[in-house]
Amino acid sequence: MDADHLRDLLKNVQEGSLSIDQALDRLKSFPYDNLGFARLDTHRPLRQGLPEVVFCQNKTVEQAIAILTRLWQHHDRVLGTRVSTEMADVITEKIPDAKYDSLSRLLILSRRDLPAPKPEDAGVLVVSGGTADMPVAEEAAQTLEFLGDRVMRLYDVGVAGVHRLLNEMEMLQQADVIISIAGMEGALTSLVSGLVKCPVIGVPTSVGYGASFNGLAALLTMLNSCAPGVAVVNIDNGFGAAIYAHLIIRRIQKAVA
């Protein structure tokens, strides 16, 4: 139940095309919908402007299907994250409208397309150190696109060949927010932040050899960045970085409206 649905509901009651009892029946899941094993926050769009997203990792296929199906009854657009290929095969069979991307591991249900972003809209640049970081980078980029944001991509520009990044200075400086994604030692984020005037969100990835400790080395490097203007999310958390970037973009759009 988002603001537009609630406004239409109240309008229908006002006009008499919907009875009070019928409206109450539609609102019966307020403030959440209890499935027994999950309590779905169906009114989150009214508070935050964003629907609840389903983190599918470690859920059973049956649980994921039940949650996605119920949210699909309440919202026109539903997003599932960390969906394995095996889980996606079952979900897309049970819910044919679901679209799955194996690289980002995102699953999307949508009854309507959001307006396409304009070239002059505030935009997010997703930068990654190497090709191995692309699953996390695409989780961030595709989440932003799901939310209707303008997204640019700049991949495989890590510090092992810094000239690749420096050749893209125009793109870096045009961004309103940058999501910097890197594994190994995670130095890319400090370098990017030292070149631009916009906020930079660092995403350490678990990519690297043994002493990278599954992303801990990159996380500590980003947290200890000497370049100002860096915020850091958890290891491999492309989704979290995307939401943070989206909130910044939303405030920019509100300010210029």
Protein backbone atom coordinates (compact mmCIF):
# COMPACT_ATOMS: atom_id res chain seq x y z
CA MET A 1 0.00 0.00 0.00
CA ASP A 2 1.76 3.12 -1.23
CA ALA A 3 0.56 6.73 -1.17
CA ASP A 4 -1.04 6.55 -4.63
CA HIS A 5 -2.99 3.39 -3.78
CA LEU A 6 -4.18 4.85 -0.48
CA ARG A 7 -5.23 8.11 -2.15
CA ASP A 8 -7.25 6.17 -4.74
CA LEU A 9 -8.82 4.08 -2.00
CA LEU A 10 -9.93 7.14 -0.03
CA LYS A 11 -11.21 8.79 -3.20
CA ASN A 12 -13.31 5.72 -4.04
CA VAL A 13 -14.84 5.76 -0.55
CA GLN A 14 -15.56 9.48 -0.88
CA GLU A 15 -17.24 8.97 -4.25
CA GLY A 16 -19.26 6.01 -2.98
CA SER A 17 -17.86 3.47 -5.43
CA LEU A 18 -16.28 1.61 -2.50
CA SER A 19 -17.92 0.90 0.85
CA ILE A 20 -16.24 1.51 4.16
CA ASP A 21 -16.24 -2.23 4.85
CA GLN A 22 -14.59 -2.92 1.50
CA ALA A 23 -11.94 -0.31 2.23
CA LEU A 24 -11.31 -1.80 5.66
CA ASP A 25 -10.90 -5.21 4.05
CA ARG A 26 -8.19 -3.80 1.76
CA LEU A 27 -6.46 -2.24 4.76
CA LYS A 28 -6.63 -5.39 6.88
CA SER A 29 -2.87 -5.94 6.63
CA PHE A 30 -2.15 -2.65 8.42
CA PRO A 31 0.39 -2.28 9.96
CA TYR A 32 1.84 -5.56 8.67
CA ASP A 33 0.82 -8.84 7.08
CA ASN A 34 1.59 -11.82 9.32
CA LEU A 35 2.42 -15.02 7.40
CA GLY A 36 3.48 -16.85 10.54
CA PHE A 37 7.12 -17.20 9.51
CA ALA A 38 7.36 -13.59 8.25
CA ARG A 39 5.70 -10.28 9.03
CA LEU A 40 5.53 -8.20 5.88
CA ASP A 41 5.75 -4.43 6.24
CA THR A 42 3.22 -3.66 3.54
CA HIS A 43 2.86 0.00 4.53
CA ARG A 44 6.57 0.82 4.36
CA PRO A 45 6.09 2.89 1.16
CA LEU A 46 3.85 5.26 3.14
CA ARG A 47 6.67 5.89 5.64
CA GLN A 48 9.79 5.62 3.54
CA GLY A 49 8.66 5.89 -0.06
CA LEU A 50 10.19 2.46 -0.76
CA PRO A 51 8.53 -0.96 -0.55
CA GLU A 52 9.97 -3.78 1.54
CA VAL A 53 12.59 -5.77 -0.39
CA VAL A 54 12.90 -9.55 0.02
CA PHE A 55 16.34 -10.85 1.03
CA CYS A 56 16.02 -14.39 -0.32
CA GLN A 57 19.33 -15.87 0.82
CA ASN A 58 18.87 -18.51 3.55
CA LYS A 59 15.11 -18.59 3.01
CA THR A 60 13.50 -21.74 1.68
CA VAL A 61 12.06 -21.59 -1.82
CA GLU A 62 8.58 -21.98 -0.34
CA GLN A 63 9.13 -19.05 2.03
CA ALA A 64 10.48 -16.83 -0.75
CA ILE A 65 7.54 -17.65 -3.02
CA ALA A 66 5.00 -16.98 -0.28
CA ILE A 67 6.55 -13.62 0.62
CA LEU A 68 6.98 -12.48 -2.97
CA THR A 69 3.43 -13.54 -3.85
CA ARG A 70 1.91 -11.64 -0.93
CA LEU A 71 3.93 -8.49 -1.61
CA TRP A 72 2.92 -8.79 -5.28
CA GLN A 73 -0.69 -8.57 -4.12
CA HIS A 74 0.03 -5.27 -2.35
CA HIS A 75 2.52 -3.56 -4.67
CA ASP A 76 2.96 -3.03 -8.41
CA ARG A 77 6.73 -3.50 -8.13
CA VAL A 78 8.57 -6.05 -5.98
CA LEU A 79 12.29 -6.75 -5.66
CA GLY A 80 14.03 -9.86 -4.36
CA THR A 81 17.78 -9.88 -3.66
CA ARG A 82 20.38 -12.64 -3.32
CA VAL A 83 18.32 -15.13 -5.29
CA SER A 84 20.26 -18.22 -6.33
CA THR A 85 19.82 -19.62 -9.83
CA GLU A 86 18.24 -22.77 -8.39
CA MET A 87 15.74 -20.74 -6.37
CA ALA A 88 15.00 -18.48 -9.33
CA ASP A 89 14.15 -21.47 -11.53
CA VAL A 90 11.41 -22.52 -9.11
CA ILE A 91 10.14 -18.99 -8.45
CA THR A 92 9.83 -18.07 -12.13
CA GLU A 93 7.92 -21.29 -12.74
CA LYS A 94 5.48 -20.51 -9.92
CA ILE A 95 5.36 -16.75 -10.62
CA PRO A 96 5.72 -16.36 -14.42
CA ASP A 97 5.80 -12.55 -14.19
CA ALA A 98 9.10 -12.68 -12.30
CA LYS A 99 12.25 -11.60 -14.17
CA TYR A 100 15.64 -12.84 -12.97
CA ASP A 101 19.21 -11.68 -13.60
CA SER A 102 21.81 -14.29 -12.70
CA LEU A 103 24.72 -11.81 -12.43
CA SER A 104 23.15 -9.46 -9.90
CA ARG A 105 20.99 -12.24 -8.41
CA LEU A 106 18.04 -9.86 -8.43
CA LEU A 107 14.46 -10.94 -9.13
CA ILE A 108 11.91 -8.33 -10.19
CA LEU A 109 8.14 -8.27 -10.43
CA SER A 110 6.63 -5.24 -12.14
CA ARG A 111 3.17 -4.32 -13.42
CA ARG A 112 4.26 -0.85 -14.51
CA ASP A 113 7.39 0.84 -15.72
CA LEU A 114 8.71 3.92 -13.96
CA PRO A 115 9.29 7.06 -16.06
CA ALA A 116 12.64 6.86 -17.82
CA PRO A 117 15.21 9.16 -16.21
CA LYS A 118 16.19 12.23 -18.23
CA PRO A 119 19.81 13.01 -19.16
CA GLU A 120 19.68 16.10 -16.95
CA ASP A 121 18.47 14.17 -13.88
CA ALA A 122 20.82 13.65 -10.97
CA GLY A 123 22.67 10.39 -11.51
CA VAL A 124 24.70 7.71 -9.78
CA LEU A 125 27.97 6.40 -11.17
CA VAL A 126 28.79 2.81 -10.23
CA VAL A 127 32.55 2.22 -10.36
CA SER A 128 34.21 -1.16 -9.87
CA GLY A 129 37.82 -2.23 -9.48
CA GLY A 130 37.71 -5.41 -11.53
CA THR A 131 35.45 -7.71 -13.52
CA ALA A 132 35.23 -10.03 -10.51
CA ASP A 133 33.40 -7.23 -8.65
CA MET A 134 30.63 -7.06 -11.25
CA PRO A 135 28.03 -9.15 -9.36
CA VAL A 136 28.08 -6.62 -6.51
CA ALA A 137 28.27 -3.70 -8.93
CA GLU A 138 25.26 -4.95 -10.88
CA GLU A 139 23.31 -5.54 -7.68
CA ALA A 140 23.82 -1.84 -6.95
CA ALA A 141 23.21 -0.61 -10.50
CA GLN A 142 20.10 -2.70 -11.16
CA THR A 143 18.62 -1.82 -7.77
CA LEU A 144 18.99 1.85 -8.67
CA GLU A 145 17.38 1.23 -12.04
CA PHE A 146 14.52 -0.61 -10.33
CA LEU A 147 14.01 2.55 -8.25
CA GLY A 148 13.94 4.71 -11.38
CA ASP A 149 17.32 6.42 -11.00
CA ARG A 150 19.72 7.41 -13.76
CA VAL A 151 22.70 5.05 -13.61
CA MET A 152 26.12 5.13 -15.25
CA ARG A 153 28.64 2.31 -15.14
CA LEU A 154 32.44 2.41 -15.07
CA TYR A 155 33.88 -1.07 -14.58
CA ASP A 156 37.38 -2.57 -14.38
CA VAL A 157 39.20 0.66 -13.48
CA GLY A 158 41.07 -0.57 -10.41
CA VAL A 159 44.32 0.82 -9.00
CA ALA A 160 46.45 -1.86 -10.69
CA GLY A 161 46.11 0.30 -13.82
CA VAL A 162 45.18 3.72 -12.48
CA HIS A 163 45.37 5.33 -15.95
CA ARG A 164 42.11 3.52 -16.80
CA LEU A 165 40.35 5.51 -14.09
CA LEU A 166 42.09 8.81 -14.84
CA ASN A 167 40.99 8.56 -18.48
CA GLU A 168 37.38 8.82 -17.25
CA MET A 169 37.67 12.05 -15.26
CA GLU A 170 34.77 13.70 -17.10
CA MET A 171 32.40 10.90 -16.18
CA LEU A 172 33.63 10.90 -12.57
CA GLN A 173 33.12 14.63 -12.17
CA GLN A 174 29.64 14.61 -13.73
CA ALA A 175 28.28 12.17 -11.16
CA ASP A 176 26.08 13.37 -8.30
CA VAL A 177 26.82 10.25 -6.23
CA ILE A 178 29.43 7.56 -6.79
CA ILE A 179 29.31 3.97 -5.59
CA SER A 180 32.87 2.64 -5.54
CA ILE A 181 33.15 -1.15 -5.43
CA ALA A 182 36.42 -3.00 -4.92
CA GLY A 183 37.93 -6.09 -3.37
CA MET A 184 41.58 -6.99 -2.74
CA GLU A 185 42.97 -4.06 -0.67
CA GLY A 186 40.03 -1.76 -1.53
CA ALA A 187 42.16 1.27 -2.40
CA LEU A 188 39.93 2.34 -5.30
CA THR A 189 37.43 4.12 -3.05
CA SER A 190 40.01 6.47 -1.50
CA LEU A 191 41.39 7.26 -4.94
CA VAL A 192 37.96 8.02 -6.38
CA SER A 193 36.98 10.20 -3.45
CA GLY A 194 40.15 12.26 -3.83
CA LEU A 195 39.19 13.11 -7.43
CA VAL A 196 35.57 14.21 -7.08
CA LYS A 197 33.34 16.65 -5.20
CA CYS A 198 30.31 14.39 -4.75
CA PRO A 199 29.55 11.85 -2.00
CA VAL A 200 31.26 8.48 -2.46
CA ILE A 201 29.82 5.25 -1.08
CA GLY A 202 32.41 2.51 -0.67
CA VAL A 203 31.46 -1.13 -1.08
CA PRO A 204 34.18 -3.62 -0.13
CA THR A 205 33.82 -6.99 -1.83
CA SER A 206 34.93 -10.44 -0.76
CA VAL A 207 37.06 -10.75 -3.91
CA GLY A 208 40.73 -11.47 -3.18
CA TYR A 209 43.31 -13.96 -1.99
CA GLY A 210 43.60 -15.35 1.53
CA ALA A 211 44.98 -12.30 3.32
CA SER A 212 42.05 -10.23 2.08
CA PHE A 213 40.02 -12.20 4.65
CA ASN A 214 36.89 -12.35 2.45
CA GLY A 215 36.65 -8.58 2.16
CA LEU A 216 37.77 -7.54 5.63
CA ALA A 217 40.98 -5.98 4.29
CA ALA A 218 39.02 -3.89 1.78
CA LEU A 219 36.50 -2.92 4.45
CA LEU A 220 39.20 -1.66 6.81
CA THR A 221 40.94 0.25 4.01
CA MET A 222 37.72 2.03 3.09
CA LEU A 223 36.86 2.77 6.72
CA ASN A 224 40.33 4.26 7.17
CA SER A 225 40.23 6.34 3.99
CA CYS A 226 42.25 9.53 4.20
CA ALA A 227 40.06 11.08 1.49
CA PRO A 228 37.04 12.95 2.90
CA GLY A 229 33.45 12.37 1.88
CA VAL A 230 33.42 8.55 2.01
CA ALA A 231 30.67 6.44 3.58
CA VAL A 232 31.14 2.67 3.70
CA VAL A 233 28.58 -0.15 3.69
CA ASN A 234 29.09 -3.78 4.58
CA ILE A 235 31.05 -6.32 2.53
CA ASP A 236 29.33 -7.20 -0.79
CA ASN A 237 26.35 -4.98 0.09
CA GLY A 238 25.63 -3.50 -3.32
CA PHE A 239 21.93 -3.28 -2.45
CA GLY A 240 22.58 -1.21 0.68
CA ALA A 241 24.82 1.17 -1.22
CA ALA A 242 22.13 1.60 -3.88
CA ILE A 243 19.47 2.49 -1.33
CA TYR A 244 21.78 5.03 0.32
CA ALA A 245 22.60 6.58 -3.07
CA HIS A 246 18.92 6.64 -4.02
CA LEU A 247 18.02 8.56 -0.86
CA ILE A 248 20.65 11.18 -1.71
CA ILE A 249 19.38 11.45 -5.28
CA ARG A 250 15.81 11.78 -4.02
CA ARG A 251 16.78 14.72 -1.81
CA ILE A 252 18.60 16.37 -4.72
CA GLN A 253 15.52 16.00 -6.92
CA LYS A 254 13.30 17.44 -4.19
CA ALA A 255 15.60 20.43 -3.77
CA VAL A 256 15.56 21.32 -7.47
CA ALA A 257 11.86 20.61 -8.04
